[in-house]
Protein backbone atom coordinates (compact mmCIF):
# COMPACT_ATOMS: atom_id res chain seq x y z
CA UNK A 1 0.00 0.00 0.00
CA UNK A 2 1.30 3.46 -0.89
CA UNK A 3 0.69 4.81 2.59
CA UNK A 4 3.09 2.27 4.11
CA UNK A 5 5.66 2.67 1.33
CA UNK A 6 5.83 6.43 1.74
CA UNK A 7 5.22 6.70 5.49
CA UNK A 8 8.49 8.59 6.12
CA UNK A 9 7.71 11.12 3.40
CA UNK A 10 4.13 11.54 4.60
CA UNK A 11 5.39 12.16 8.14
CA UNK A 12 7.99 14.66 6.90
CA UNK A 13 5.32 16.52 4.92
CA UNK A 14 2.98 16.65 7.90
CA UNK A 15 5.76 17.86 10.19
CA UNK A 16 6.82 20.49 7.66
CA UNK A 17 3.26 21.76 7.24
CA UNK A 18 2.92 22.14 11.01
CA UNK A 19 6.30 23.93 11.26
CA UNK A 20 5.36 26.26 8.41
CA UNK A 21 1.99 27.13 9.95
CA UNK A 22 3.71 27.82 13.27
CA UNK A 23 6.43 29.91 11.62
CA UNK A 24 3.92 32.02 9.68
CA UNK A 25 1.90 32.71 12.83
CA UNK A 26 5.03 33.52 14.84
CA UNK A 27 6.35 35.82 12.09
CA UNK A 28 3.13 37.81 12.32
CA UNK A 29 3.90 38.41 16.01
CA UNK A 30 7.41 39.77 15.36
CA UNK A 31 8.12 43.48 15.92
CA UNK A 32 8.17 44.20 12.20
CA UNK A 33 6.10 41.55 10.41
CA UNK A 34 6.36 43.46 7.12
CA UNK A 35 10.03 42.43 6.98
CA UNK A 36 8.83 38.83 7.28
CA UNK A 37 6.34 39.02 4.38
CA UNK A 38 8.25 36.69 2.04
CA UNK A 39 8.83 34.20 4.84
CA UNK A 40 5.14 34.21 5.73
CA UNK A 41 4.04 33.82 2.11
CA UNK A 42 6.43 30.92 1.50
CA UNK A 43 5.40 29.30 4.79
CA UNK A 44 1.75 29.35 3.75
CA UNK A 45 2.44 28.01 0.25
CA UNK A 46 4.75 25.34 1.60
CA UNK A 47 2.28 24.21 4.27
CA UNK A 48 -0.51 23.91 1.72
CA UNK A 49 1.63 21.93 -0.71
CA UNK A 50 2.98 19.66 2.01
CA UNK A 51 -0.57 18.86 3.09
CA UNK A 52 -1.52 18.10 -0.52
CA UNK A 53 1.55 15.90 -0.99
CA UNK A 54 0.85 13.92 2.19
CA UNK A 55 -2.75 13.36 1.15
CA UNK A 56 -1.77 12.34 -2.40
CA UNK A 57 0.70 9.77 -1.08
CA UNK A 58 -1.75 8.45 1.51
CA UNK A 59 -4.35 7.73 -1.14
CA UNK A 60 -1.85 6.40 -3.68
CA UNK A 61 -2.53 9.11 -6.24
CA UNK A 62 -0.96 8.63 -9.64
CA UNK A 63 0.13 12.26 -9.32
CA UNK A 64 1.95 11.82 -6.01
CA UNK A 65 5.44 11.75 -7.54
CA UNK A 66 4.83 14.96 -9.52
CA UNK A 67 3.33 16.70 -6.49
CA UNK A 68 6.27 15.59 -4.35
CA UNK A 69 8.76 16.88 -6.92
CA UNK A 70 7.14 20.31 -6.71
CA UNK A 71 6.95 20.02 -2.93
CA UNK A 72 10.69 19.35 -2.76
CA UNK A 73 11.36 22.50 -4.77
CA UNK A 74 9.07 24.69 -2.69
CA UNK A 75 10.36 23.26 0.58
CA UNK A 76 13.87 24.14 -0.56
CA UNK A 77 12.84 27.74 -1.24
CA UNK A 78 10.96 28.06 2.03
CA UNK A 79 13.83 26.51 3.96
CA UNK A 80 16.32 28.90 2.37
CA UNK A 81 14.17 31.91 3.25
CA UNK A 82 13.55 30.77 6.82
CA UNK A 83 17.27 30.08 7.32
CA UNK A 84 17.95 33.78 6.61
CA UNK A 85 16.15 34.75 9.84
CA UNK A 86 17.58 34.24 13.32
CA UNK A 87 14.23 33.58 15.01
CA UNK A 88 13.97 30.13 16.58
CA UNK A 89 10.69 29.45 14.77
CA UNK A 90 12.33 30.26 11.42
CA UNK A 91 15.32 28.04 12.14
CA UNK A 92 13.06 25.15 13.19
CA UNK A 93 10.98 25.65 10.05
CA UNK A 94 14.08 25.71 7.87
CA UNK A 95 15.14 22.34 9.29
CA UNK A 96 11.68 20.82 8.77
CA UNK A 97 11.67 22.13 5.21
CA UNK A 98 15.08 20.60 4.49
CA UNK A 99 13.99 17.20 5.82
CA UNK A 100 10.79 17.33 3.80
CA UNK A 101 12.61 18.40 0.64
CA UNK A 102 14.95 15.42 0.98
CA UNK A 103 12.11 12.95 1.55
CA UNK A 104 9.98 14.38 -1.26
CA UNK A 105 12.90 14.34 -3.67
CA UNK A 106 13.57 10.70 -2.80
CA UNK A 107 9.89 9.83 -3.16
CA UNK A 108 9.52 11.59 -6.51
CA UNK A 109 12.39 9.59 -8.00
CA UNK A 110 11.47 6.20 -6.49
CA UNK A 111 10.13 3.78 -9.10
CA UNK A 112 6.58 2.74 -8.29
CA UNK A 113 5.11 -0.68 -8.76
CA UNK A 114 2.41 -0.78 -11.41
């Protein structure tokens, strides 16, 4: 079953989505949230795509590999942006994004049984 095969990637996507939601909310509480606008926007996009990727893998979607390839790219961008900020929530998000990008990249290039 696809869910079992991709359990690590699903977990990484779910963890990344949670970290991104937390980071976006925390960025809005910073002294100057306008400076965090790109971080917040990427967090929200990344969280949404991670949730989609996890759901696609869980249901064995034929599009899961393509979605995960895009997720890996977006997680990389979000992680890079978050890493630029010294806030603990940004650093934690950057790490979650890196883990998710690695798992999604691996998943998107793993041959699937027909």
